[in-house]
Amino acid sequence: MPPVYVYAGGFAGLLTKAAGGVGAITFGRRVFVRPSLVKQDSSGRAVLPAWLLVHEAAHVLQYEERGTLRFLVGYLRGYFRGLREGKKFDTAARTAAYLAIPEECAAREAERAYVESRRVSD
């Protein structure tokens, strides 16, 4: 796994809000997390949901495998394909298009596998 840099300050808040209120957004090895998702543990360290980090780490690996340009082109192509297939541009259609992006499907699968592995080991 390459190094992953997580940001949750003011800029991360603006970026996640501008991206439709998402929990996080990844560019290369940099993950920008909505500040409200970051909590402090008993020793004062910043903590974010592990499932979210797994999801975004999957995107980091996708960037690493494909390179920035190929990843972004493929991601946007998947989104616009979903919009075309839905033949609408309302909130429901945009959400469906986002959920159908192959890179998002793969990241959600990594997230599900992580959550399931935690259930089995608990």
PDB file of N, CA and C in Angstrom:
ATOM      1  N   MET A   1       0.853  -1.179   0.000  1.00  0.00           N
ATOM      2  CA  MET A   1       0.000   0.000   0.000  1.00  0.00           C
ATOM      3  C   MET A   1       0.892   1.233   0.000  1.00  0.00           C
ATOM      4  N   PRO A   2       0.647   2.143  -0.925  1.00  0.00           N
ATOM      5  CA  PRO A   2       1.436   3.382  -0.919  1.00  0.00           C
ATOM      6  C   PRO A   2       1.024   4.254   0.261  1.00  0.00           C
ATOM      7  N   PRO A   3       1.827   5.251   0.589  1.00  0.00           N
ATOM      8  CA  PRO A   3       1.439   6.169   1.664  1.00  0.00           C
ATOM      9  C   PRO A   3       0.123   6.863   1.309  1.00  0.00           C
ATOM     10  N   VAL A   4      -0.708   7.074   2.313  1.00  0.00           N
ATOM     11  CA  VAL A   4      -1.986   7.765   2.138  1.00  0.00           C
ATOM     12  C   VAL A   4      -1.976   8.973   3.064  1.00  0.00           C
ATOM     13  N   TYR A   5      -2.312  10.134   2.535  1.00  0.00           N
ATOM     14  CA  TYR A   5      -2.324  11.371   3.309  1.00  0.00           C
ATOM     15  C   TYR A   5      -3.770  11.805   3.487  1.00  0.00           C
ATOM     16  N   VAL A   6      -4.171  11.964   4.737  1.00  0.00           N
ATOM     17  CA  VAL A   6      -5.559  12.286   5.050  1.00  0.00           C
ATOM     18  C   VAL A   6      -5.639  13.724   5.558  1.00  0.00           C
ATOM     19  N   TYR A   7      -6.582  14.471   5.000  1.00  0.00           N
ATOM     20  CA  TYR A   7      -6.804  15.874   5.377  1.00  0.00           C
ATOM     21  C   TYR A   7      -8.258  16.037   5.813  1.00  0.00           C
ATOM     22  N   ALA A   8      -8.455  16.784   6.876  1.00  0.00           N
ATOM     23  CA  ALA A   8      -9.820  16.990   7.367  1.00  0.00           C
ATOM     24  C   ALA A   8     -10.028  18.424   7.856  1.00  0.00           C
ATOM     25  N   GLY A   9      -9.265  19.349   7.344  1.00  0.00           N
ATOM     26  CA  GLY A   9      -9.398  20.740   7.742  1.00  0.00           C
ATOM     27  C   GLY A   9     -10.441  21.476   6.919  1.00  0.00           C
ATOM     28  N   GLY A  10     -10.343  22.783   6.952  1.00  0.00           N
ATOM     29  CA  GLY A  10     -11.308  23.636   6.264  1.00  0.00           C
ATOM     30  C   GLY A  10     -11.388  23.380   4.765  1.00  0.00           C
ATOM     31  N   PHE A  11     -10.230  23.213   4.120  1.00  0.00           N
ATOM     32  CA  PHE A  11     -10.247  22.957   2.681  1.00  0.00           C
ATOM     33  C   PHE A  11     -10.947  21.638   2.373  1.00  0.00           C
ATOM     34  N   ALA A  12     -10.690  20.612   3.191  1.00  0.00           N
ATOM     35  CA  ALA A  12     -11.357  19.315   2.998  1.00  0.00           C
ATOM     36  C   ALA A  12     -12.868  19.473   3.140  1.00  0.00           C
ATOM     37  N   GLY A  13     -13.281  20.314   4.090  1.00  0.00           N
ATOM     38  CA  GLY A  13     -14.712  20.567   4.263  1.00  0.00           C
ATOM     39  C   GLY A  13     -15.326  21.220   3.045  1.00  0.00           C
ATOM     40  N   LEU A  14     -14.642  22.211   2.489  1.00  0.00           N
ATOM     41  CA  LEU A  14     -15.142  22.881   1.280  1.00  0.00           C
ATOM     42  C   LEU A  14     -15.194  21.924   0.099  1.00  0.00           C
ATOM     43  N   LEU A  15     -14.164  21.122  -0.041  1.00  0.00           N
ATOM     44  CA  LEU A  15     -14.076  20.194  -1.175  1.00  0.00           C
ATOM     45  C   LEU A  15     -15.163  19.125  -1.099  1.00  0.00           C
ATOM     46  N   THR A  16     -15.368  18.534   0.066  1.00  0.00           N
ATOM     47  CA  THR A  16     -16.392  17.490   0.181  1.00  0.00           C
ATOM     48  C   THR A  16     -17.794  18.072   0.019  1.00  0.00           C
ATOM     49  N   LYS A  17     -17.974  19.297   0.473  1.00  0.00           N
ATOM     50  CA  LYS A  17     -19.278  19.949   0.284  1.00  0.00           C
ATOM     51  C   LYS A  17     -19.515  20.248  -1.194  1.00  0.00           C
ATOM     52  N   ALA A  18     -18.485  20.766  -1.870  1.00  0.00           N
ATOM     53  CA  ALA A  18     -18.602  21.084  -3.302  1.00  0.00           C
ATOM     54  C   ALA A  18     -18.848  19.836  -4.137  1.00  0.00           C
ATOM     55  N   ALA A  19     -18.379  18.688  -3.649  1.00  0.00           N
ATOM     56  CA  ALA A  19     -18.562  17.424  -4.375  1.00  0.00           C
ATOM     57  C   ALA A  19     -19.906  16.786  -4.046  1.00  0.00           C
ATOM     58  N   GLY A  20     -20.811  17.547  -3.500  1.00  0.00           N
ATOM     59  CA  GLY A  20     -22.157  17.038  -3.244  1.00  0.00           C
ATOM     60  C   GLY A  20     -22.375  16.545  -1.827  1.00  0.00           C
ATOM     61  N   GLY A  21     -21.513  16.963  -0.918  1.00  0.00           N
ATOM     62  CA  GLY A  21     -21.682  16.545   0.466  1.00  0.00           C
ATOM     63  C   GLY A  21     -21.177  15.144   0.752  1.00  0.00           C
ATOM     64  N   VAL A  22     -20.227  14.680  -0.041  1.00  0.00           N
ATOM     65  CA  VAL A  22     -19.677  13.345   0.160  1.00  0.00           C
ATOM     66  C   VAL A  22     -18.901  13.274   1.468  1.00  0.00           C
ATOM     67  N   GLY A  23     -18.693  12.056   1.954  1.00  0.00           N
ATOM     68  CA  GLY A  23     -17.931  11.868   3.178  1.00  0.00           C
ATOM     69  C   GLY A  23     -16.446  12.095   2.972  1.00  0.00           C
ATOM     70  N   ALA A  24     -15.958  11.775   1.786  1.00  0.00           N
ATOM     71  CA  ALA A  24     -14.541  11.948   1.470  1.00  0.00           C
ATOM     72  C   ALA A  24     -14.371  11.927  -0.043  1.00  0.00           C
ATOM     73  N   ILE A  25     -13.260  12.461  -0.463  1.00  0.00           N
ATOM     74  CA  ILE A  25     -12.912  12.430  -1.883  1.00  0.00           C
ATOM     75  C   ILE A  25     -11.400  12.245  -1.976  1.00  0.00           C
ATOM     76  N   THR A  26     -10.988  11.421  -2.920  1.00  0.00           N
ATOM     77  CA  THR A  26      -9.581  11.065  -3.053  1.00  0.00           C
ATOM     78  C   THR A  26      -9.025  11.577  -4.372  1.00  0.00           C
ATOM     79  N   PHE A  27      -7.826  12.152  -4.283  1.00  0.00           N
ATOM     80  CA  PHE A  27      -7.058  12.553  -5.462  1.00  0.00           C
ATOM     81  C   PHE A  27      -5.659  11.979  -5.286  1.00  0.00           C
ATOM     82  N   GLY A  28      -5.346  10.969  -6.069  1.00  0.00           N
ATOM     83  CA  GLY A  28      -4.044  10.327  -5.942  1.00  0.00           C
ATOM     84  C   GLY A  28      -3.915   9.661  -4.587  1.00  0.00           C
ATOM     85  N   ARG A  29      -2.908  10.073  -3.828  1.00  0.00           N
ATOM     86  CA  ARG A  29      -2.687   9.521  -2.483  1.00  0.00           C
ATOM     87  C   ARG A  29      -3.286  10.406  -1.401  1.00  0.00           C
ATOM     88  N   ARG A  30      -4.000  11.448  -1.789  1.00  0.00           N
ATOM     89  CA  ARG A  30      -4.554  12.393  -0.829  1.00  0.00           C
ATOM     90  C   ARG A  30      -6.049  12.191  -0.663  1.00  0.00           C
ATOM     91  N   VAL A  31      -6.454  11.996   0.585  1.00  0.00           N
ATOM     92  CA  VAL A  31      -7.853  11.760   0.920  1.00  0.00           C
ATOM     93  C   VAL A  31      -8.340  12.967   1.730  1.00  0.00           C
ATOM     94  N   PHE A  32      -9.382  13.603   1.224  1.00  0.00           N
ATOM     95  CA  PHE A  32      -9.975  14.762   1.890  1.00  0.00           C
ATOM     96  C   PHE A  32     -11.280  14.302   2.535  1.00  0.00           C
ATOM     97  N   VAL A  33     -11.343  14.373   3.862  1.00  0.00           N
ATOM     98  CA  VAL A  33     -12.468  13.850   4.634  1.00  0.00           C
ATOM     99  C   VAL A  33     -13.297  14.997   5.183  1.00  0.00           C
ATOM    100  N   ARG A  34     -14.619  14.835   5.115  1.00  0.00           N
ATOM    101  CA  ARG A  34     -15.510  15.822   5.723  1.00  0.00           C
ATOM    102  C   ARG A  34     -15.160  15.924   7.208  1.00  0.00           C
ATOM    103  N   PRO A  35     -14.835  17.119   7.686  1.00  0.00           N
ATOM    104  CA  PRO A  35     -14.387  17.275   9.080  1.00  0.00           C
ATOM    105  C   PRO A  35     -15.341  16.693  10.122  1.00  0.00           C
ATOM    106  N   SER A  36     -16.632  16.715   9.868  1.00  0.00           N
ATOM    107  CA  SER A  36     -17.585  16.191  10.860  1.00  0.00           C
ATOM    108  C   SER A  36     -17.452  14.678  11.066  1.00  0.00           C
ATOM    109  N   LEU A  37     -16.761  13.989  10.165  1.00  0.00           N
ATOM    110  CA  LEU A  37     -16.573  12.545  10.305  1.00  0.00           C
ATOM    111  C   LEU A  37     -15.360  12.193  11.166  1.00  0.00           C
ATOM    112  N   VAL A  38     -14.560  13.189  11.481  1.00  0.00           N
ATOM    113  CA  VAL A  38     -13.352  12.955  12.272  1.00  0.00           C
ATOM    114  C   VAL A  38     -13.667  13.211  13.743  1.00  0.00           C
ATOM    115  N   LYS A  39     -13.340  12.241  14.571  1.00  0.00           N
ATOM    116  CA  LYS A  39     -13.546  12.342  16.020  1.00  0.00           C
ATOM    117  C   LYS A  39     -12.194  12.276  16.709  1.00  0.00           C
ATOM    118  N   GLN A  40     -12.193  12.518  18.005  1.00  0.00           N
ATOM    119  CA  GLN A  40     -10.959  12.368  18.785  1.00  0.00           C
ATOM    120  C   GLN A  40     -11.104  11.180  19.721  1.00  0.00           C
ATOM    121  N   ASP A  41     -10.029  10.381  19.818  1.00  0.00           N
ATOM    122  CA  ASP A  41     -10.069   9.281  20.768  1.00  0.00           C
ATOM    123  C   ASP A  41      -9.684   9.801  22.152  1.00  0.00           C
ATOM    124  N   SER A  42      -9.604   8.911  23.123  1.00  0.00           N
ATOM    125  CA  SER A  42      -9.351   9.322  24.510  1.00  0.00           C
ATOM    126  C   SER A  42      -7.987   9.980  24.703  1.00  0.00           C
ATOM    127  N   SER A  43      -7.056   9.717  23.788  1.00  0.00           N
ATOM    128  CA  SER A  43      -5.739  10.349  23.897  1.00  0.00           C
ATOM    129  C   SER A  43      -5.614  11.597  23.026  1.00  0.00           C
ATOM    130  N   GLY A  44      -6.720  12.001  22.408  1.00  0.00           N
ATOM    131  CA  GLY A  44      -6.713  13.228  21.620  1.00  0.00           C
ATOM    132  C   GLY A  44      -6.316  13.056  20.161  1.00  0.00           C
ATOM    133  N   ARG A  45      -6.095  11.819  19.734  1.00  0.00           N
ATOM    134  CA  ARG A  45      -5.740  11.578  18.327  1.00  0.00           C
ATOM    135  C   ARG A  45      -6.978  11.617  17.449  1.00  0.00           C
ATOM    136  N   ALA A  46      -6.798  12.085  16.230  1.00  0.00           N
ATOM    137  CA  ALA A  46      -7.896  12.118  15.265  1.00  0.00           C
ATOM    138  C   ALA A  46      -8.202  10.704  14.793  1.00  0.00           C
ATOM    139  N   VAL A  47      -9.478  10.375  14.736  1.00  0.00           N
ATOM    140  CA  VAL A  47      -9.918   9.043  14.326  1.00  0.00           C
ATOM    141  C   VAL A  47     -11.054   9.211  13.323  1.00  0.00           C
ATOM    142  N   LEU A  48     -11.022   8.420  12.267  1.00  0.00           N
ATOM    143  CA  LEU A  48     -12.130   8.429  11.328  1.00  0.00           C
ATOM    144  C   LEU A  48     -12.616   7.005  11.140  1.00  0.00           C
ATOM    145  N   PRO A  49     -13.826   6.838  10.634  1.00  0.00           N
ATOM    146  CA  PRO A  49     -14.367   5.484  10.485  1.00  0.00           C
ATOM    147  C   PRO A  49     -13.468   4.616   9.598  1.00  0.00           C
ATOM    148  N   ALA A  50     -13.161   3.420  10.084  1.00  0.00           N
ATOM    149  CA  ALA A  50     -12.266   2.522   9.349  1.00  0.00           C
ATOM    150  C   ALA A  50     -12.843   2.156   7.986  1.00  0.00           C
ATOM    151  N   TRP A  51     -14.162   1.933   7.905  1.00  0.00           N
ATOM    152  CA  TRP A  51     -14.772   1.563   6.619  1.00  0.00           C
ATOM    153  C   TRP A  51     -14.539   2.653   5.586  1.00  0.00           C
ATOM    154  N   LEU A  52     -14.556   3.931   6.042  1.00  0.00           N
ATOM    155  CA  LEU A  52     -14.337   5.048   5.120  1.00  0.00           C
ATOM    156  C   LEU A  52     -12.892   5.049   4.627  1.00  0.00           C
ATOM    157  N   LEU A  53     -11.968   4.796   5.531  1.00  0.00           N
ATOM    158  CA  LEU A  53     -10.562   4.746   5.130  1.00  0.00           C
ATOM    159  C   LEU A  53     -10.318   3.593   4.159  1.00  0.00           C
ATOM    160  N   VAL A  54     -10.953   2.441   4.386  1.00  0.00           N
ATOM    161  CA  VAL A  54     -10.815   1.305   3.468  1.00  0.00           C
ATOM    162  C   VAL A  54     -11.348   1.679   2.083  1.00  0.00           C
ATOM    163  N   HIS A  55     -12.521   2.332   2.054  1.00  0.00           N
ATOM    164  CA  HIS A  55     -13.127   2.750   0.789  1.00  0.00           C
ATOM    165  C   HIS A  55     -12.183   3.691   0.029  1.00  0.00           C
ATOM    166  N   GLU A  56     -11.678   4.692   0.727  1.00  0.00           N
ATOM    167  CA  GLU A  56     -10.806   5.663   0.059  1.00  0.00           C
ATOM    168  C   GLU A  56      -9.456   5.062  -0.294  1.00  0.00           C
ATOM    169  N   ALA A  57      -8.955   4.130   0.523  1.00  0.00           N
ATOM    170  CA  ALA A  57      -7.702   3.450   0.197  1.00  0.00           C
ATOM    171  C   ALA A  57      -7.853   2.641  -1.092  1.00  0.00           C
ATOM    172  N   ALA A  58      -9.041   2.100  -1.324  1.00  0.00           N
ATOM    173  CA  ALA A  58      -9.286   1.397  -2.592  1.00  0.00           C
ATOM    174  C   ALA A  58      -9.110   2.357  -3.766  1.00  0.00           C
ATOM    175  N   HIS A  59      -9.577   3.597  -3.604  1.00  0.00           N
ATOM    176  CA  HIS A  59      -9.383   4.592  -4.668  1.00  0.00           C
ATOM    177  C   HIS A  59      -7.906   4.938  -4.830  1.00  0.00           C
ATOM    178  N   VAL A  60      -7.173   5.031  -3.724  1.00  0.00           N
ATOM    179  CA  VAL A  60      -5.728   5.293  -3.817  1.00  0.00           C
ATOM    180  C   VAL A  60      -5.071   4.210  -4.658  1.00  0.00           C
ATOM    181  N   LEU A  61      -5.428   2.958  -4.409  1.00  0.00           N
ATOM    182  CA  LEU A  61      -4.856   1.849  -5.194  1.00  0.00           C
ATOM    183  C   LEU A  61      -5.268   1.931  -6.661  1.00  0.00           C
ATOM    184  N   GLN A  62      -6.503   2.348  -6.925  1.00  0.00           N
ATOM    185  CA  GLN A  62      -6.955   2.521  -8.311  1.00  0.00           C
ATOM    186  C   GLN A  62      -6.122   3.584  -9.018  1.00  0.00           C
ATOM    187  N   TYR A  63      -5.860   4.690  -8.335  1.00  0.00           N
ATOM    188  CA  TYR A  63      -4.996   5.731  -8.905  1.00  0.00           C
ATOM    189  C   TYR A  63      -3.602   5.168  -9.184  1.00  0.00           C
ATOM    190  N   GLU A  64      -3.071   4.402  -8.222  1.00  0.00           N
ATOM    191  CA  GLU A  64      -1.731   3.837  -8.381  1.00  0.00           C
ATOM    192  C   GLU A  64      -1.661   2.897  -9.578  1.00  0.00           C
ATOM    193  N   GLU A  65      -2.688   2.063  -9.746  1.00  0.00           N
ATOM    194  CA  GLU A  65      -2.701   1.082 -10.834  1.00  0.00           C
ATOM    195  C   GLU A  65      -2.843   1.743 -12.204  1.00  0.00           C
ATOM    196  N   ARG A  66      -3.668   2.773 -12.291  1.00  0.00           N
ATOM    197  CA  ARG A  66      -4.013   3.354 -13.595  1.00  0.00           C
ATOM    198  C   ARG A  66      -3.309   4.660 -13.908  1.00  0.00           C
ATOM    199  N   GLY A  67      -2.856   5.342 -12.888  1.00  0.00           N
ATOM    200  CA  GLY A  67      -2.338   6.691 -13.081  1.00  0.00           C
ATOM    201  C   GLY A  67      -3.494   7.682 -12.965  1.00  0.00           C
ATOM    202  N   THR A  68      -3.150   8.908 -12.665  1.00  0.00           N
ATOM    203  CA  THR A  68      -4.164   9.921 -12.389  1.00  0.00           C
ATOM    204  C   THR A  68      -5.098  10.158 -13.569  1.00  0.00           C
ATOM    205  N   LEU A  69      -4.542  10.385 -14.734  1.00  0.00           N
ATOM    206  CA  LEU A  69      -5.380  10.714 -15.893  1.00  0.00           C
ATOM    207  C   LEU A  69      -6.314   9.560 -16.261  1.00  0.00           C
ATOM    208  N   ARG A  70      -5.784   8.350 -16.350  1.00  0.00           N
ATOM    209  CA  ARG A  70      -6.632   7.197 -16.706  1.00  0.00           C
ATOM    210  C   ARG A  70      -7.711   6.954 -15.650  1.00  0.00           C
ATOM    211  N   PHE A  71      -7.352   7.129 -14.371  1.00  0.00           N
ATOM    212  CA  PHE A  71      -8.356   6.945 -13.324  1.00  0.00           C
ATOM    213  C   PHE A  71      -9.470   7.974 -13.483  1.00  0.00           C
ATOM    214  N   LEU A  72      -9.111   9.244 -13.570  1.00  0.00           N
ATOM    215  CA  LEU A  72     -10.128  10.295 -13.636  1.00  0.00           C
ATOM    216  C   LEU A  72     -10.993  10.189 -14.891  1.00  0.00           C
ATOM    217  N   VAL A  73     -10.386   9.883 -16.028  1.00  0.00           N
ATOM    218  CA  VAL A  73     -11.158   9.729 -17.259  1.00  0.00           C
ATOM    219  C   VAL A  73     -12.122   8.555 -17.125  1.00  0.00           C
ATOM    220  N   GLY A  74     -11.643   7.432 -16.609  1.00  0.00           N
ATOM    221  CA  GLY A  74     -12.515   6.273 -16.432  1.00  0.00           C
ATOM    222  C   GLY A  74     -13.637   6.542 -15.441  1.00  0.00           C
ATOM    223  N   TYR A  75     -13.321   7.232 -14.361  1.00  0.00           N
ATOM    224  CA  TYR A  75     -14.312   7.550 -13.339  1.00  0.00           C
ATOM    225  C   TYR A  75     -15.409   8.442 -13.911  1.00  0.00           C
ATOM    226  N   LEU A  76     -14.997   9.516 -14.587  1.00  0.00           N
ATOM    227  CA  LEU A  76     -15.977  10.427 -15.183  1.00  0.00           C
ATOM    228  C   LEU A  76     -16.762   9.754 -16.304  1.00  0.00           C
ATOM    229  N   ARG A  77     -16.104   8.921 -17.077  1.00  0.00           N
ATOM    230  CA  ARG A  77     -16.797   8.182 -18.145  1.00  0.00           C
ATOM    231  C   ARG A  77     -17.897   7.302 -17.534  1.00  0.00           C
ATOM    232  N   GLY A  78     -17.572   6.624 -16.456  1.00  0.00           N
ATOM    233  CA  GLY A  78     -18.567   5.784 -15.783  1.00  0.00           C
ATOM    234  C   GLY A  78     -19.741   6.601 -15.265  1.00  0.00           C
ATOM    235  N   TYR A  79     -19.459   7.774 -14.715  1.00  0.00           N
ATOM    236  CA  TYR A  79     -20.523   8.623 -14.195  1.00  0.00           C
ATOM    237  C   TYR A  79     -21.432   9.108 -15.326  1.00  0.00           C
ATOM    238  N   PHE A  80     -20.842   9.616 -16.386  1.00  0.00           N
ATOM    239  CA  PHE A  80     -21.654  10.133 -17.492  1.00  0.00           C
ATOM    240  C   PHE A  80     -22.391   9.016 -18.236  1.00  0.00           C
ATOM    241  N   ARG A  81     -21.817   7.830 -18.279  1.00  0.00           N
ATOM    242  CA  ARG A  81     -22.523   6.678 -18.854  1.00  0.00           C
ATOM    243  C   ARG A  81     -23.782   6.398 -18.029  1.00  0.00           C
ATOM    244  N   GLY A  82     -23.645   6.437 -16.714  1.00  0.00           N
ATOM    245  CA  GLY A  82     -24.796   6.222 -15.844  1.00  0.00           C
ATOM    246  C   GLY A  82     -25.868   7.281 -16.029  1.00  0.00           C
ATOM    247  N   LEU A  83     -25.463   8.521 -16.221  1.00  0.00           N
ATOM    248  CA  LEU A  83     -26.445   9.587 -16.462  1.00  0.00           C
ATOM    249  C   LEU A  83     -27.169   9.370 -17.788  1.00  0.00           C
ATOM    250  N   ARG A  84     -26.404   9.015 -18.826  1.00  0.00           N
ATOM    251  CA  ARG A  84     -27.028   8.763 -20.136  1.00  0.00           C
ATOM    252  C   ARG A  84     -28.027   7.628 -20.060  1.00  0.00           C
ATOM    253  N   GLU A  85     -27.644   6.565 -19.357  1.00  0.00           N
ATOM    254  CA  GLU A  85     -28.537   5.410 -19.254  1.00  0.00           C
ATOM    255  C   GLU A  85     -29.790   5.743 -18.464  1.00  0.00           C
ATOM    256  N   GLY A  86     -29.671   6.619 -17.473  1.00  0.00           N
ATOM    257  CA  GLY A  86     -30.823   7.011 -16.675  1.00  0.00           C
ATOM    258  C   GLY A  86     -31.721   8.014 -17.370  1.00  0.00           C
ATOM    259  N   LYS A  87     -31.185   8.710 -18.376  1.00  0.00           N
ATOM    260  CA  LYS A  87     -31.927   9.678 -19.192  1.00  0.00           C
ATOM    261  C   LYS A  87     -32.573  10.802 -18.373  1.00  0.00           C
ATOM    262  N   LYS A  88     -32.031  11.057 -17.202  1.00  0.00           N
ATOM    263  CA  LYS A  88     -32.500  12.169 -16.372  1.00  0.00           C
ATOM    264  C   LYS A  88     -31.290  12.809 -15.721  1.00  0.00           C
ATOM    265  N   PHE A  89     -31.532  13.965 -15.073  1.00  0.00           N
ATOM    266  CA  PHE A  89     -30.446  14.635 -14.383  1.00  0.00           C
ATOM    267  C   PHE A  89     -30.901  15.100 -13.002  1.00  0.00           C
ATOM    268  N   ASP A  90     -31.956  14.482 -12.491  1.00  0.00           N
ATOM    269  CA  ASP A  90     -32.422  14.856 -11.163  1.00  0.00           C
ATOM    270  C   ASP A  90     -31.528  14.207 -10.101  1.00  0.00           C
ATOM    271  N   THR A  91     -31.812  14.485  -8.848  1.00  0.00           N
ATOM    272  CA  THR A  91     -30.980  13.974  -7.754  1.00  0.00           C
ATOM    273  C   THR A  91     -30.901  12.459  -7.766  1.00  0.00           C
ATOM    274  N   ALA A  92     -32.024  11.793  -7.966  1.00  0.00           N
ATOM    275  CA  ALA A  92     -32.037  10.330  -7.975  1.00  0.00           C
ATOM    276  C   ALA A  92     -31.172   9.779  -9.114  1.00  0.00           C
ATOM    277  N   ALA A  93     -31.249  10.401 -10.281  1.00  0.00           N
ATOM    278  CA  ALA A  93     -30.460   9.941 -11.431  1.00  0.00           C
ATOM    279  C   ALA A  93     -28.967  10.162 -11.192  1.00  0.00           C
ATOM    280  N   ARG A  94     -28.604  11.299 -10.606  1.00  0.00           N
ATOM    281  CA  ARG A  94     -27.189  11.569 -10.317  1.00  0.00           C
ATOM    282  C   ARG A  94     -26.656  10.591  -9.273  1.00  0.00           C
ATOM    283  N   THR A  95     -27.477  10.285  -8.271  1.00  0.00           N
ATOM    284  CA  THR A  95     -27.064   9.318  -7.251  1.00  0.00           C
ATOM    285  C   THR A  95     -26.889   7.934  -7.870  1.00  0.00           C
ATOM    286  N   ALA A  96     -27.835   7.526  -8.705  1.00  0.00           N
ATOM    287  CA  ALA A  96     -27.745   6.217  -9.359  1.00  0.00           C
ATOM    288  C   ALA A  96     -26.508   6.145 -10.251  1.00  0.00           C
ATOM    289  N   ALA A  97     -26.211   7.225 -10.968  1.00  0.00           N
ATOM    290  CA  ALA A  97     -25.034   7.250 -11.834  1.00  0.00           C
ATOM    291  C   ALA A  97     -23.759   7.126 -11.006  1.00  0.00           C
ATOM    292  N   TYR A  98     -23.706   7.827  -9.886  1.00  0.00           N
ATOM    293  CA  TYR A  98     -22.548   7.747  -8.988  1.00  0.00           C
ATOM    294  C   TYR A  98     -22.378   6.319  -8.456  1.00  0.00           C
ATOM    295  N   LEU A  99     -23.470   5.714  -8.022  1.00  0.00           N
ATOM    296  CA  LEU A  99     -23.400   4.364  -7.464  1.00  0.00           C
ATOM    297  C   LEU A  99     -23.011   3.317  -8.500  1.00  0.00           C
ATOM    298  N   ALA A 100     -23.233   3.619  -9.779  1.00  0.00           N
ATOM    299  CA  ALA A 100     -22.913   2.673 -10.855  1.00  0.00           C
ATOM    300  C   ALA A 100     -21.481   2.803 -11.371  1.00  0.00           C
ATOM    301  N   ILE A 101     -20.745   3.813 -10.939  1.00  0.00           N
ATOM    302  CA  ILE A 101     -19.365   3.986 -11.399  1.00  0.00           C
ATOM    303  C   ILE A 101     -18.559   2.751 -10.976  1.00  0.00           C
ATOM    304  N   PRO A 102     -17.907   2.074 -11.919  1.00  0.00           N
ATOM    305  CA  PRO A 102     -17.175   0.854 -11.569  1.00  0.00           C
ATOM    306  C   PRO A 102     -16.155   1.042 -10.444  1.00  0.00           C
ATOM    307  N   GLU A 103     -15.477   2.164 -10.422  1.00  0.00           N
ATOM    308  CA  GLU A 103     -14.493   2.413  -9.358  1.00  0.00           C
ATOM    309  C   GLU A 103     -15.173   2.534  -7.994  1.00  0.00           C
ATOM    310  N   GLU A 104     -16.365   3.097  -7.978  1.00  0.00           N
ATOM    311  CA  GLU A 104     -17.116   3.194  -6.723  1.00  0.00           C
ATOM    312  C   GLU A 104     -17.629   1.821  -6.296  1.00  0.00           C
ATOM    313  N   CYS A 105     -18.075   1.037  -7.257  1.00  0.00           N
ATOM    314  CA  CYS A 105     -18.533  -0.319  -6.934  1.00  0.00           C
ATOM    315  C   CYS A 105     -17.400  -1.121  -6.304  1.00  0.00           C
ATOM    316  N   ALA A 106     -16.206  -1.019  -6.864  1.00  0.00           N
ATOM    317  CA  ALA A 106     -15.051  -1.754  -6.333  1.00  0.00           C
ATOM    318  C   ALA A 106     -14.687  -1.252  -4.931  1.00  0.00           C
ATOM    319  N   ALA A 107     -14.738   0.059  -4.726  1.00  0.00           N
ATOM    320  CA  ALA A 107     -14.411   0.613  -3.407  1.00  0.00           C
ATOM    321  C   ALA A 107     -15.453   0.193  -2.371  1.00  0.00           C
ATOM    322  N   ARG A 108     -16.732   0.163  -2.763  1.00  0.00           N
ATOM    323  CA  ARG A 108     -17.777  -0.294  -1.833  1.00  0.00           C
ATOM    324  C   ARG A 108     -17.612  -1.779  -1.526  1.00  0.00           C
ATOM    325  N   GLU A 109     -17.154  -2.549  -2.500  1.00  0.00           N
ATOM    326  CA  GLU A 109     -16.912  -3.977  -2.261  1.00  0.00           C
ATOM    327  C   GLU A 109     -15.771  -4.160  -1.256  1.00  0.00           C
ATOM    328  N   ALA A 110     -14.702  -3.370  -1.373  1.00  0.00           N
ATOM    329  CA  ALA A 110     -13.605  -3.430  -0.395  1.00  0.00           C
ATOM    330  C   ALA A 110     -14.116  -3.052   0.991  1.00  0.00           C
ATOM    331  N   GLU A 111     -14.942  -2.040   1.033  1.00  0.00           N
ATOM    332  CA  GLU A 111     -15.560  -1.589   2.288  1.00  0.00           C
ATOM    333  C   GLU A 111     -16.404  -2.714   2.905  1.00  0.00           C
ATOM    334  N   ARG A 112     -17.249  -3.347   2.079  1.00  0.00           N
ATOM    335  CA  ARG A 112     -18.094  -4.457   2.565  1.00  0.00           C
ATOM    336  C   ARG A 112     -17.242  -5.611   3.083  1.00  0.00           C
ATOM    337  N   ALA A 113     -16.188  -5.948   2.347  1.00  0.00           N
ATOM    338  CA  ALA A 113     -15.308  -7.047   2.765  1.00  0.00           C
ATOM    339  C   ALA A 113     -14.665  -6.723   4.111  1.00  0.00           C
ATOM    340  N   TYR A 114     -14.260  -5.483   4.292  1.00  0.00           N
ATOM    341  CA  TYR A 114     -13.668  -5.083   5.577  1.00  0.00           C
ATOM    342  C   TYR A 114     -14.688  -5.218   6.702  1.00  0.00           C
ATOM    343  N   VAL A 115     -15.870  -4.687   6.497  1.00  0.00           N
ATOM    344  CA  VAL A 115     -16.913  -4.742   7.523  1.00  0.00           C
ATOM    345  C   VAL A 115     -17.248  -6.190   7.852  1.00  0.00           C
ATOM    346  N   GLU A 116     -17.368  -7.025   6.827  1.00  0.00           N
ATOM    347  CA  GLU A 116     -17.679  -8.439   7.052  1.00  0.00           C
ATOM    348  C   GLU A 116     -16.555  -9.136   7.811  1.00  0.00           C
ATOM    349  N   SER A 117     -15.311  -8.815   7.496  1.00  0.00           N
ATOM    350  CA  SER A 117     -14.181  -9.442   8.205  1.00  0.00           C
ATOM    351  C   SER A 117     -14.176  -9.047   9.673  1.00  0.00           C
ATOM    352  N   ARG A 118     -14.626  -7.853   9.977  1.00  0.00           N
ATOM    353  CA  ARG A 118     -14.717  -7.404  11.374  1.00  0.00           C
ATOM    354  C   ARG A 118     -15.807  -8.174  12.105  1.00  0.00           C
ATOM    355  N   ARG A 119     -16.913  -8.462  11.433  1.00  0.00           N
ATOM    356  CA  ARG A 119     -18.005  -9.229  12.060  1.00  0.00           C
ATOM    357  C   ARG A 119     -17.535 -10.636  12.397  1.00  0.00           C
ATOM    358  N   VAL A 120     -16.786 -11.238  11.486  1.00  0.00           N
ATOM    359  CA  VAL A 120     -16.323 -12.613  11.664  1.00  0.00           C
ATOM    360  C   VAL A 120     -15.322 -12.684  12.813  1.00  0.00           C
ATOM    361  N   SER A 121     -14.440 -11.691  12.929  1.00  0.00           N
ATOM    362  CA  SER A 121     -13.400 -11.743  13.958  1.00  0.00           C
ATOM    363  C   SER A 121     -13.878 -11.281  15.325  1.00  0.00           C
ATOM    364  N   ASP A 122     -15.033 -10.634  15.399  1.00  0.00           N
ATOM    365  CA  ASP A 122     -15.542 -10.160  16.708  1.00  0.00           C
ATOM    366  C   ASP A 122     -16.213 -11.231  17.504  1.00  0.00           C
TER     367      ASP A 122
END
